[in-house]
Amino acid sequence: MGSSNMDYCGSGFWVRDYQAEVWLYLLAQEAKAVVDAPAWLAHARKDWEIQAAAGFMGCISSCLDKHLGSDPDRVALAVHLSERVVQRLLTWAPAIPKDLVNSFGT
């Protein structure tokens, strides 16, 4: 079972690959729901979908430095989308139903 470092601007944490894949999948789904999404978000969404489903072992990356840089508007939108992911996860507590999570392709 691999793990990857999720980092942004020099800070980060280690996470199991399957957890990173599910988070990035759900983050991409939230990004897909943004009406009139800016080009940078469309590129980030595609990247997150690849990272979530490619099966990388130990080298999954959200590429936040690449996609967000230090732009406060991008950071704010990414935080907002991440908060939406957390809310989705909480609705499935204590665990995502097996059939549902298996449909993610992560």
PDB file of N, CA and C in Angstrom:
ATOM      1  N   MET A   1       0.853  -1.170   0.000  1.00  0.00           N
ATOM      2  CA  MET A   1       0.000   0.000   0.000  1.00  0.00           C
ATOM      3  C   MET A   1       0.898   1.231   0.000  1.00  0.00           C
ATOM      4  N   GLY A   2       0.825   2.016  -1.069  1.00  0.00           N
ATOM      5  CA  GLY A   2       1.680   3.178  -1.199  1.00  0.00           C
ATOM      6  C   GLY A   2       1.137   4.403  -0.486  1.00  0.00           C
ATOM      7  N   SER A   3       2.008   5.381  -0.339  1.00  0.00           N
ATOM      8  CA  SER A   3       1.592   6.661   0.215  1.00  0.00           C
ATOM      9  C   SER A   3       2.302   7.763  -0.568  1.00  0.00           C
ATOM     10  N   SER A   4       1.668   8.906  -0.598  1.00  0.00           N
ATOM     11  CA  SER A   4       2.186  10.044  -1.348  1.00  0.00           C
ATOM     12  C   SER A   4       2.164  11.282  -0.468  1.00  0.00           C
ATOM     13  N   ASN A   5       3.021  12.231  -0.810  1.00  0.00           N
ATOM     14  CA  ASN A   5       3.074  13.483  -0.076  1.00  0.00           C
ATOM     15  C   ASN A   5       2.227  14.523  -0.791  1.00  0.00           C
ATOM     16  N   MET A   6       1.235  15.025  -0.104  1.00  0.00           N
ATOM     17  CA  MET A   6       0.404  16.112  -0.635  1.00  0.00           C
ATOM     18  C   MET A   6       0.992  17.405  -0.093  1.00  0.00           C
ATOM     19  N   ASP A   7       1.481  18.260  -0.990  1.00  0.00           N
ATOM     20  CA  ASP A   7       2.110  19.480  -0.513  1.00  0.00           C
ATOM     21  C   ASP A   7       1.648  20.687  -1.311  1.00  0.00           C
ATOM     22  N   TYR A   8       1.831  21.824  -0.683  1.00  0.00           N
ATOM     23  CA  TYR A   8       1.515  23.105  -1.306  1.00  0.00           C
ATOM     24  C   TYR A   8       2.384  24.163  -0.651  1.00  0.00           C
ATOM     25  N   CYS A   9       3.099  24.894  -1.452  1.00  0.00           N
ATOM     26  CA  CYS A   9       3.969  25.980  -0.984  1.00  0.00           C
ATOM     27  C   CYS A   9       4.924  25.530   0.123  1.00  0.00           C
ATOM     28  N   GLY A  10       5.494  24.350  -0.042  1.00  0.00           N
ATOM     29  CA  GLY A  10       6.500  23.871   0.899  1.00  0.00           C
ATOM     30  C   GLY A  10       5.977  23.181   2.137  1.00  0.00           C
ATOM     31  N   SER A  11       4.663  23.112   2.320  1.00  0.00           N
ATOM     32  CA  SER A  11       4.083  22.397   3.459  1.00  0.00           C
ATOM     33  C   SER A  11       3.246  21.246   2.932  1.00  0.00           C
ATOM     34  N   GLY A  12       3.188  20.181   3.707  1.00  0.00           N
ATOM     35  CA  GLY A  12       2.398  19.053   3.249  1.00  0.00           C
ATOM     36  C   GLY A  12       2.297  17.959   4.284  1.00  0.00           C
ATOM     37  N   PHE A  13       1.778  16.842   3.849  1.00  0.00           N
ATOM     38  CA  PHE A  13       1.586  15.686   4.719  1.00  0.00           C
ATOM     39  C   PHE A  13       1.564  14.429   3.861  1.00  0.00           C
ATOM     40  N   TRP A  14       1.833  13.304   4.501  1.00  0.00           N
ATOM     41  CA  TRP A  14       1.783  12.012   3.835  1.00  0.00           C
ATOM     42  C   TRP A  14       0.386  11.432   3.981  1.00  0.00           C
ATOM     43  N   VAL A  15      -0.079  10.799   2.919  1.00  0.00           N
ATOM     44  CA  VAL A  15      -1.421  10.214   2.905  1.00  0.00           C
ATOM     45  C   VAL A  15      -1.366   8.916   2.097  1.00  0.00           C
ATOM     46  N   ARG A  16      -2.186   7.952   2.482  1.00  0.00           N
ATOM     47  CA  ARG A  16      -2.282   6.710   1.720  1.00  0.00           C
ATOM     48  C   ARG A  16      -2.794   7.030   0.323  1.00  0.00           C
ATOM     49  N   ASP A  17      -2.269   6.321  -0.660  1.00  0.00           N
ATOM     50  CA  ASP A  17      -2.636   6.601  -2.047  1.00  0.00           C
ATOM     51  C   ASP A  17      -4.137   6.497  -2.280  1.00  0.00           C
ATOM     52  N   TYR A  18      -4.780   5.483  -1.722  1.00  0.00           N
ATOM     53  CA  TYR A  18      -6.215   5.336  -1.966  1.00  0.00           C
ATOM     54  C   TYR A  18      -6.995   6.529  -1.409  1.00  0.00           C
ATOM     55  N   GLN A  19      -6.538   7.111  -0.325  1.00  0.00           N
ATOM     56  CA  GLN A  19      -7.207   8.286   0.235  1.00  0.00           C
ATOM     57  C   GLN A  19      -6.995   9.501  -0.677  1.00  0.00           C
ATOM     58  N   ALA A  20      -5.773   9.665  -1.172  1.00  0.00           N
ATOM     59  CA  ALA A  20      -5.478  10.768  -2.084  1.00  0.00           C
ATOM     60  C   ALA A  20      -6.290  10.627  -3.367  1.00  0.00           C
ATOM     61  N   GLU A  21      -6.401   9.403  -3.865  1.00  0.00           N
ATOM     62  CA  GLU A  21      -7.163   9.178  -5.098  1.00  0.00           C
ATOM     63  C   GLU A  21      -8.631   9.541  -4.925  1.00  0.00           C
ATOM     64  N   VAL A  22      -9.241   9.138  -3.819  1.00  0.00           N
ATOM     65  CA  VAL A  22     -10.650   9.453  -3.586  1.00  0.00           C
ATOM     66  C   VAL A  22     -10.827  10.962  -3.437  1.00  0.00           C
ATOM     67  N   TRP A  23      -9.939  11.609  -2.678  1.00  0.00           N
ATOM     68  CA  TRP A  23     -10.048  13.063  -2.510  1.00  0.00           C
ATOM     69  C   TRP A  23      -9.927  13.774  -3.857  1.00  0.00           C
ATOM     70  N   LEU A  24      -8.940  13.401  -4.661  1.00  0.00           N
ATOM     71  CA  LEU A  24      -8.761  14.059  -5.947  1.00  0.00           C
ATOM     72  C   LEU A  24      -9.922  13.774  -6.893  1.00  0.00           C
ATOM     73  N   TYR A  25     -10.460  12.561  -6.849  1.00  0.00           N
ATOM     74  CA  TYR A  25     -11.637  12.243  -7.666  1.00  0.00           C
ATOM     75  C   TYR A  25     -12.798  13.155  -7.286  1.00  0.00           C
ATOM     76  N   LEU A  26     -13.071  13.245  -5.993  1.00  0.00           N
ATOM     77  CA  LEU A  26     -14.194  14.078  -5.541  1.00  0.00           C
ATOM     78  C   LEU A  26     -13.931  15.557  -5.801  1.00  0.00           C
ATOM     79  N   LEU A  27     -12.685  15.989  -5.651  1.00  0.00           N
ATOM     80  CA  LEU A  27     -12.326  17.376  -5.950  1.00  0.00           C
ATOM     81  C   LEU A  27     -12.569  17.675  -7.435  1.00  0.00           C
ATOM     82  N   ALA A  28     -12.204  16.737  -8.288  1.00  0.00           N
ATOM     83  CA  ALA A  28     -12.444  16.908  -9.728  1.00  0.00           C
ATOM     84  C   ALA A  28     -13.934  16.972 -10.024  1.00  0.00           C
ATOM     85  N   GLN A  29     -14.730  16.166  -9.321  1.00  0.00           N
ATOM     86  CA  GLN A  29     -16.177  16.204  -9.524  1.00  0.00           C
ATOM     87  C   GLN A  29     -16.757  17.560  -9.112  1.00  0.00           C
ATOM     88  N   GLU A  30     -16.271  18.097  -8.010  1.00  0.00           N
ATOM     89  CA  GLU A  30     -16.727  19.422  -7.584  1.00  0.00           C
ATOM     90  C   GLU A  30     -16.291  20.488  -8.591  1.00  0.00           C
ATOM     91  N   ALA A  31     -15.078  20.371  -9.110  1.00  0.00           N
ATOM     92  CA  ALA A  31     -14.589  21.328 -10.106  1.00  0.00           C
ATOM     93  C   ALA A  31     -15.427  21.245 -11.379  1.00  0.00           C
ATOM     94  N   LYS A  32     -15.844  20.042 -11.732  1.00  0.00           N
ATOM     95  CA  LYS A  32     -16.665  19.852 -12.930  1.00  0.00           C
ATOM     96  C   LYS A  32     -18.012  20.563 -12.797  1.00  0.00           C
ATOM     97  N   ALA A  33     -18.497  20.723 -11.578  1.00  0.00           N
ATOM     98  CA  ALA A  33     -19.801  21.342 -11.335  1.00  0.00           C
ATOM     99  C   ALA A  33     -19.754  22.872 -11.354  1.00  0.00           C
ATOM    100  N   VAL A  34     -18.567  23.455 -11.434  1.00  0.00           N
ATOM    101  CA  VAL A  34     -18.439  24.915 -11.438  1.00  0.00           C
ATOM    102  C   VAL A  34     -18.888  25.442 -12.796  1.00  0.00           C
ATOM    103  N   VAL A  35     -19.917  26.271 -12.786  1.00  0.00           N
ATOM    104  CA  VAL A  35     -20.429  26.875 -14.010  1.00  0.00           C
ATOM    105  C   VAL A  35     -19.423  27.906 -14.522  1.00  0.00           C
ATOM    106  N   ASP A  36     -19.180  27.883 -15.814  1.00  0.00           N
ATOM    107  CA  ASP A  36     -18.226  28.812 -16.437  1.00  0.00           C
ATOM    108  C   ASP A  36     -16.864  28.753 -15.746  1.00  0.00           C
ATOM    109  N   ALA A  37     -16.388  27.529 -15.531  1.00  0.00           N
ATOM    110  CA  ALA A  37     -15.099  27.338 -14.862  1.00  0.00           C
ATOM    111  C   ALA A  37     -13.981  27.997 -15.659  1.00  0.00           C
ATOM    112  N   PRO A  38     -13.070  28.665 -14.955  1.00  0.00           N
ATOM    113  CA  PRO A  38     -11.925  29.254 -15.652  1.00  0.00           C
ATOM    114  C   PRO A  38     -11.041  28.152 -16.235  1.00  0.00           C
ATOM    115  N   ALA A  39     -10.258  28.506 -17.231  1.00  0.00           N
ATOM    116  CA  ALA A  39      -9.415  27.527 -17.920  1.00  0.00           C
ATOM    117  C   ALA A  39      -8.477  26.799 -16.964  1.00  0.00           C
ATOM    118  N   TRP A  40      -7.913  27.522 -15.996  1.00  0.00           N
ATOM    119  CA  TRP A  40      -6.978  26.881 -15.073  1.00  0.00           C
ATOM    120  C   TRP A  40      -7.669  25.761 -14.291  1.00  0.00           C
ATOM    121  N   LEU A  41      -8.949  25.955 -13.926  1.00  0.00           N
ATOM    122  CA  LEU A  41      -9.668  24.943 -13.161  1.00  0.00           C
ATOM    123  C   LEU A  41      -9.985  23.736 -14.033  1.00  0.00           C
ATOM    124  N   ALA A  42     -10.302  23.962 -15.293  1.00  0.00           N
ATOM    125  CA  ALA A  42     -10.542  22.852 -16.213  1.00  0.00           C
ATOM    126  C   ALA A  42      -9.288  22.004 -16.367  1.00  0.00           C
ATOM    127  N   HIS A  43      -8.126  22.650 -16.455  1.00  0.00           N
ATOM    128  CA  HIS A  43      -6.859  21.914 -16.549  1.00  0.00           C
ATOM    129  C   HIS A  43      -6.584  21.153 -15.249  1.00  0.00           C
ATOM    130  N   ALA A  44      -6.819  21.804 -14.126  1.00  0.00           N
ATOM    131  CA  ALA A  44      -6.611  21.150 -12.829  1.00  0.00           C
ATOM    132  C   ALA A  44      -7.534  19.943 -12.697  1.00  0.00           C
ATOM    133  N   ARG A  45      -8.797  20.104 -13.090  1.00  0.00           N
ATOM    134  CA  ARG A  45      -9.756  19.000 -12.996  1.00  0.00           C
ATOM    135  C   ARG A  45      -9.289  17.794 -13.794  1.00  0.00           C
ATOM    136  N   LYS A  46      -8.823  18.025 -15.004  1.00  0.00           N
ATOM    137  CA  LYS A  46      -8.323  16.921 -15.835  1.00  0.00           C
ATOM    138  C   LYS A  46      -7.135  16.242 -15.171  1.00  0.00           C
ATOM    139  N   ASP A  47      -6.238  17.042 -14.621  1.00  0.00           N
ATOM    140  CA  ASP A  47      -5.064  16.497 -13.944  1.00  0.00           C
ATOM    141  C   ASP A  47      -5.477  15.682 -12.717  1.00  0.00           C
ATOM    142  N   TRP A  48      -6.417  16.217 -11.925  1.00  0.00           N
ATOM    143  CA  TRP A  48      -6.867  15.493 -10.735  1.00  0.00           C
ATOM    144  C   TRP A  48      -7.544  14.176 -11.104  1.00  0.00           C
ATOM    145  N   GLU A  49      -8.287  14.169 -12.214  1.00  0.00           N
ATOM    146  CA  GLU A  49      -8.918  12.926 -12.664  1.00  0.00           C
ATOM    147  C   GLU A  49      -7.864  11.883 -13.031  1.00  0.00           C
ATOM    148  N   ILE A  50      -6.810  12.319 -13.704  1.00  0.00           N
ATOM    149  CA  ILE A  50      -5.716  11.401 -14.066  1.00  0.00           C
ATOM    150  C   ILE A  50      -5.028  10.886 -12.815  1.00  0.00           C
ATOM    151  N   GLN A  51      -4.697  11.791 -11.902  1.00  0.00           N
ATOM    152  CA  GLN A  51      -4.020  11.391 -10.668  1.00  0.00           C
ATOM    153  C   GLN A  51      -4.870  10.402  -9.875  1.00  0.00           C
ATOM    154  N   ALA A  52      -6.191  10.582  -9.901  1.00  0.00           N
ATOM    155  CA  ALA A  52      -7.094   9.731  -9.131  1.00  0.00           C
ATOM    156  C   ALA A  52      -7.225   8.330  -9.718  1.00  0.00           C
ATOM    157  N   ALA A  53      -7.110   8.202 -11.025  1.00  0.00           N
ATOM    158  CA  ALA A  53      -7.455   6.929 -11.657  1.00  0.00           C
ATOM    159  C   ALA A  53      -6.289   6.186 -12.313  1.00  0.00           C
ATOM    160  N   ALA A  54      -5.125   6.789 -12.402  1.00  0.00           N
ATOM    161  CA  ALA A  54      -4.024   6.178 -13.146  1.00  0.00           C
ATOM    162  C   ALA A  54      -3.345   5.026 -12.423  1.00  0.00           C
ATOM    163  N   GLY A  55      -3.504   4.964 -11.104  1.00  0.00           N
ATOM    164  CA  GLY A  55      -2.872   3.883 -10.357  1.00  0.00           C
ATOM    165  C   GLY A  55      -1.419   4.135 -10.002  1.00  0.00           C
ATOM    166  N   PHE A  56      -1.040   5.406  -9.907  1.00  0.00           N
ATOM    167  CA  PHE A  56       0.325   5.732  -9.498  1.00  0.00           C
ATOM    168  C   PHE A  56       0.551   5.226  -8.078  1.00  0.00           C
ATOM    169  N   MET A  57       1.674   4.601  -7.836  1.00  0.00           N
ATOM    170  CA  MET A  57       1.990   4.113  -6.493  1.00  0.00           C
ATOM    171  C   MET A  57       3.055   5.005  -5.872  1.00  0.00           C
ATOM    172  N   GLY A  58       2.684   5.747  -4.835  1.00  0.00           N
ATOM    173  CA  GLY A  58       3.646   6.551  -4.101  1.00  0.00           C
ATOM    174  C   GLY A  58       4.016   7.870  -4.747  1.00  0.00           C
ATOM    175  N   CYS A  59       3.334   8.225  -5.822  1.00  0.00           N
ATOM    176  CA  CYS A  59       3.693   9.502  -6.464  1.00  0.00           C
ATOM    177  C   CYS A  59       2.453  10.244  -6.967  1.00  0.00           C
ATOM    178  N   ILE A  60       1.360  10.160  -6.241  1.00  0.00           N
ATOM    179  CA  ILE A  60       0.149  10.910  -6.575  1.00  0.00           C
ATOM    180  C   ILE A  60       0.372  12.353  -6.140  1.00  0.00           C
ATOM    181  N   SER A  61      -0.046  13.275  -6.995  1.00  0.00           N
ATOM    182  CA  SER A  61       0.146  14.686  -6.664  1.00  0.00           C
ATOM    183  C   SER A  61      -1.096  15.483  -7.035  1.00  0.00           C
ATOM    184  N   SER A  62      -1.453  16.401  -6.168  1.00  0.00           N
ATOM    185  CA  SER A  62      -2.545  17.322  -6.477  1.00  0.00           C
ATOM    186  C   SER A  62      -2.046  18.477  -7.347  1.00  0.00           C
ATOM    187  N   CYS A  63      -0.733  18.637  -7.443  1.00  0.00           N
ATOM    188  CA  CYS A  63      -0.105  19.704  -8.240  1.00  0.00           C
ATOM    189  C   CYS A  63      -0.664  21.080  -7.889  1.00  0.00           C
ATOM    190  N   LEU A  64      -0.901  21.312  -6.599  1.00  0.00           N
ATOM    191  CA  LEU A  64      -1.483  22.588  -6.183  1.00  0.00           C
ATOM    192  C   LEU A  64      -0.579  23.772  -6.506  1.00  0.00           C
ATOM    193  N   ASP A  65       0.734  23.598  -6.367  1.00  0.00           N
ATOM    194  CA  ASP A  65       1.637  24.699  -6.709  1.00  0.00           C
ATOM    195  C   ASP A  65       1.471  25.082  -8.176  1.00  0.00           C
ATOM    196  N   LYS A  66       1.354  24.092  -9.032  1.00  0.00           N
ATOM    197  CA  LYS A  66       1.200  24.324 -10.471  1.00  0.00           C
ATOM    198  C   LYS A  66      -0.156  24.966 -10.784  1.00  0.00           C
ATOM    199  N   HIS A  67      -1.220  24.432 -10.190  1.00  0.00           N
ATOM    200  CA  HIS A  67      -2.569  24.883 -10.541  1.00  0.00           C
ATOM    201  C   HIS A  67      -3.004  26.157  -9.819  1.00  0.00           C
ATOM    202  N   LEU A  68      -2.559  26.341  -8.593  1.00  0.00           N
ATOM    203  CA  LEU A  68      -3.003  27.503  -7.817  1.00  0.00           C
ATOM    204  C   LEU A  68      -1.982  28.618  -7.777  1.00  0.00           C
ATOM    205  N   GLY A  69      -0.704  28.240  -7.750  1.00  0.00           N
ATOM    206  CA  GLY A  69       0.331  29.237  -7.544  1.00  0.00           C
ATOM    207  C   GLY A  69       0.058  29.968  -6.243  1.00  0.00           C
ATOM    208  N   SER A  70       0.200  31.264  -6.255  1.00  0.00           N
ATOM    209  CA  SER A  70      -0.096  32.051  -5.048  1.00  0.00           C
ATOM    210  C   SER A  70      -1.279  32.989  -5.284  1.00  0.00           C
ATOM    211  N   ASP A  71      -2.055  32.702  -6.327  1.00  0.00           N
ATOM    212  CA  ASP A  71      -3.213  33.533  -6.660  1.00  0.00           C
ATOM    213  C   ASP A  71      -4.306  33.341  -5.602  1.00  0.00           C
ATOM    214  N   PRO A  72      -4.658  34.380  -4.853  1.00  0.00           N
ATOM    215  CA  PRO A  72      -5.629  34.223  -3.770  1.00  0.00           C
ATOM    216  C   PRO A  72      -7.018  33.780  -4.238  1.00  0.00           C
ATOM    217  N   ASP A  73      -7.411  34.161  -5.442  1.00  0.00           N
ATOM    218  CA  ASP A  73      -8.714  33.735  -5.951  1.00  0.00           C
ATOM    219  C   ASP A  73      -8.726  32.231  -6.252  1.00  0.00           C
ATOM    220  N   ARG A  74      -7.629  31.731  -6.810  1.00  0.00           N
ATOM    221  CA  ARG A  74      -7.525  30.296  -7.085  1.00  0.00           C
ATOM    222  C   ARG A  74      -7.497  29.512  -5.779  1.00  0.00           C
ATOM    223  N   VAL A  75      -6.722  29.996  -4.834  1.00  0.00           N
ATOM    224  CA  VAL A  75      -6.640  29.328  -3.534  1.00  0.00           C
ATOM    225  C   VAL A  75      -8.019  29.297  -2.875  1.00  0.00           C
ATOM    226  N   ALA A  76      -8.717  30.411  -2.891  1.00  0.00           N
ATOM    227  CA  ALA A  76     -10.050  30.480  -2.273  1.00  0.00           C
ATOM    228  C   ALA A  76     -11.013  29.495  -2.932  1.00  0.00           C
ATOM    229  N   LEU A  77     -10.965  29.390  -4.247  1.00  0.00           N
ATOM    230  CA  LEU A  77     -11.853  28.450  -4.934  1.00  0.00           C
ATOM    231  C   LEU A  77     -11.481  27.012  -4.605  1.00  0.00           C
ATOM    232  N   ALA A  78     -10.192  26.702  -4.555  1.00  0.00           N
ATOM    233  CA  ALA A  78      -9.765  25.345  -4.211  1.00  0.00           C
ATOM    234  C   ALA A  78     -10.177  24.985  -2.783  1.00  0.00           C
ATOM    235  N   VAL A  79     -10.071  25.926  -1.866  1.00  0.00           N
ATOM    236  CA  VAL A  79     -10.509  25.690  -0.485  1.00  0.00           C
ATOM    237  C   VAL A  79     -12.018  25.456  -0.455  1.00  0.00           C
ATOM    238  N   HIS A  80     -12.766  26.280  -1.179  1.00  0.00           N
ATOM    239  CA  HIS A  80     -14.218  26.119  -1.242  1.00  0.00           C
ATOM    240  C   HIS A  80     -14.594  24.735  -1.789  1.00  0.00           C
ATOM    241  N   LEU A  81     -13.938  24.319  -2.868  1.00  0.00           N
ATOM    242  CA  LEU A  81     -14.229  23.002  -3.442  1.00  0.00           C
ATOM    243  C   LEU A  81     -13.852  21.886  -2.468  1.00  0.00           C
ATOM    244  N   SER A  82     -12.744  22.059  -1.766  1.00  0.00           N
ATOM    245  CA  SER A  82     -12.325  21.056  -0.771  1.00  0.00           C
ATOM    246  C   SER A  82     -13.327  20.971   0.371  1.00  0.00           C
ATOM    247  N   GLU A  83     -13.865  22.103   0.778  1.00  0.00           N
ATOM    248  CA  GLU A  83     -14.893  22.091   1.831  1.00  0.00           C
ATOM    249  C   GLU A  83     -16.146  21.359   1.353  1.00  0.00           C
ATOM    250  N   ARG A  84     -16.477  21.510   0.085  1.00  0.00           N
ATOM    251  CA  ARG A  84     -17.621  20.781  -0.469  1.00  0.00           C
ATOM    252  C   ARG A  84     -17.351  19.274  -0.469  1.00  0.00           C
ATOM    253  N   VAL A  85     -16.111  18.897  -0.760  1.00  0.00           N
ATOM    254  CA  VAL A  85     -15.739  17.477  -0.709  1.00  0.00           C
ATOM    255  C   VAL A  85     -15.909  16.955   0.711  1.00  0.00           C
ATOM    256  N   VAL A  86     -15.444  17.702   1.693  1.00  0.00           N
ATOM    257  CA  VAL A  86     -15.582  17.282   3.095  1.00  0.00           C
ATOM    258  C   VAL A  86     -17.057  17.092   3.446  1.00  0.00           C
ATOM    259  N   GLN A  87     -17.903  17.999   3.002  1.00  0.00           N
ATOM    260  CA  GLN A  87     -19.338  17.871   3.286  1.00  0.00           C
ATOM    261  C   GLN A  87     -19.913  16.611   2.644  1.00  0.00           C
ATOM    262  N   ARG A  88     -19.484  16.303   1.421  1.00  0.00           N
ATOM    263  CA  ARG A  88     -19.939  15.065   0.769  1.00  0.00           C
ATOM    264  C   ARG A  88     -19.486  13.852   1.562  1.00  0.00           C
ATOM    265  N   LEU A  89     -18.234  13.867   1.996  1.00  0.00           N
ATOM    266  CA  LEU A  89     -17.712  12.735   2.767  1.00  0.00           C
ATOM    267  C   LEU A  89     -18.494  12.556   4.066  1.00  0.00           C
ATOM    268  N   LEU A  90     -18.833  13.657   4.704  1.00  0.00           N
ATOM    269  CA  LEU A  90     -19.578  13.572   5.963  1.00  0.00           C
ATOM    270  C   LEU A  90     -20.969  12.973   5.771  1.00  0.00           C
ATOM    271  N   THR A  91     -21.576  13.184   4.612  1.00  0.00           N
ATOM    272  CA  THR A  91     -22.902  12.600   4.374  1.00  0.00           C
ATOM    273  C   THR A  91     -22.827  11.081   4.266  1.00  0.00           C
ATOM    274  N   TRP A  92     -21.636  10.555   3.966  1.00  0.00           N
ATOM    275  CA  TRP A  92     -21.466   9.107   3.851  1.00  0.00           C
ATOM    276  C   TRP A  92     -20.920   8.473   5.128  1.00  0.00           C
ATOM    277  N   ALA A  93     -20.679   9.265   6.148  1.00  0.00           N
ATOM    278  CA  ALA A  93     -20.069   8.747   7.382  1.00  0.00           C
ATOM    279  C   ALA A  93     -20.924   7.611   7.940  1.00  0.00           C
ATOM    280  N   PRO A  94     -20.326   6.592   8.478  1.00  0.00           N
ATOM    281  CA  PRO A  94     -18.899   6.456   8.802  1.00  0.00           C
ATOM    282  C   PRO A  94     -18.039   5.953   7.646  1.00  0.00           C
ATOM    283  N   ALA A  95     -18.660   5.579   6.506  1.00  0.00           N
ATOM    284  CA  ALA A  95     -17.862   5.105   5.378  1.00  0.00           C
ATOM    285  C   ALA A  95     -18.639   5.310   4.078  1.00  0.00           C
ATOM    286  N   ILE A  96     -17.901   5.525   3.005  1.00  0.00           N
ATOM    287  CA  ILE A  96     -18.525   5.620   1.688  1.00  0.00           C
ATOM    288  C   ILE A  96     -19.049   4.233   1.329  1.00  0.00           C
ATOM    289  N   PRO A  97     -20.294   4.113   0.890  1.00  0.00           N
ATOM    290  CA  PRO A  97     -20.803   2.795   0.489  1.00  0.00           C
ATOM    291  C   PRO A  97     -19.894   2.156  -0.568  1.00  0.00           C
ATOM    292  N   LYS A  98     -19.634   0.870  -0.400  1.00  0.00           N
ATOM    293  CA  LYS A  98     -18.676   0.148  -1.247  1.00  0.00           C
ATOM    294  C   LYS A  98     -19.017   0.273  -2.733  1.00  0.00           C
ATOM    295  N   ASP A  99     -20.261   0.066  -3.107  1.00  0.00           N
ATOM    296  CA  ASP A  99     -20.633   0.145  -4.517  1.00  0.00           C
ATOM    297  C   ASP A  99     -20.388   1.542  -5.085  1.00  0.00           C
ATOM    298  N   LEU A 100     -20.640   2.552  -4.272  1.00  0.00           N
ATOM    299  CA  LEU A 100     -20.426   3.919  -4.715  1.00  0.00           C
ATOM    300  C   LEU A 100     -18.931   4.194  -4.930  1.00  0.00           C
ATOM    301  N   VAL A 101     -18.129   3.892  -3.931  1.00  0.00           N
ATOM    302  CA  VAL A 101     -16.691   4.187  -4.053  1.00  0.00           C
ATOM    303  C   VAL A 101     -16.050   3.352  -5.161  1.00  0.00           C
ATOM    304  N   ASN A 102     -16.528   2.134  -5.363  1.00  0.00           N
ATOM    305  CA  ASN A 102     -15.996   1.324  -6.461  1.00  0.00           C
ATOM    306  C   ASN A 102     -16.332   1.936  -7.822  1.00  0.00           C
ATOM    307  N   SER A 103     -17.399   2.704  -7.896  1.00  0.00           N
ATOM    308  CA  SER A 103     -17.774   3.350  -9.162  1.00  0.00           C
ATOM    309  C   SER A 103     -16.855   4.517  -9.508  1.00  0.00           C
ATOM    310  N   PHE A 104     -16.070   4.988  -8.554  1.00  0.00           N
ATOM    311  CA  PHE A 104     -15.182   6.128  -8.795  1.00  0.00           C
ATOM    312  C   PHE A 104     -14.048   5.782  -9.770  1.00  0.00           C
ATOM    313  N   GLY A 105     -13.645   4.522  -9.820  1.00  0.00           N
ATOM    314  CA  GLY A 105     -12.547   4.135 -10.697  1.00  0.00           C
ATOM    315  C   GLY A 105     -11.180   4.479 -10.158  1.00  0.00           C
ATOM    316  N   THR A 106     -11.115   4.775  -8.863  1.00  0.00           N
ATOM    317  CA  THR A 106      -9.825   5.107  -8.249  1.00  0.00           C
ATOM    318  C   THR A 106      -9.119   3.852  -7.809  1.00  0.00           C
TER     319      THR A 106
END
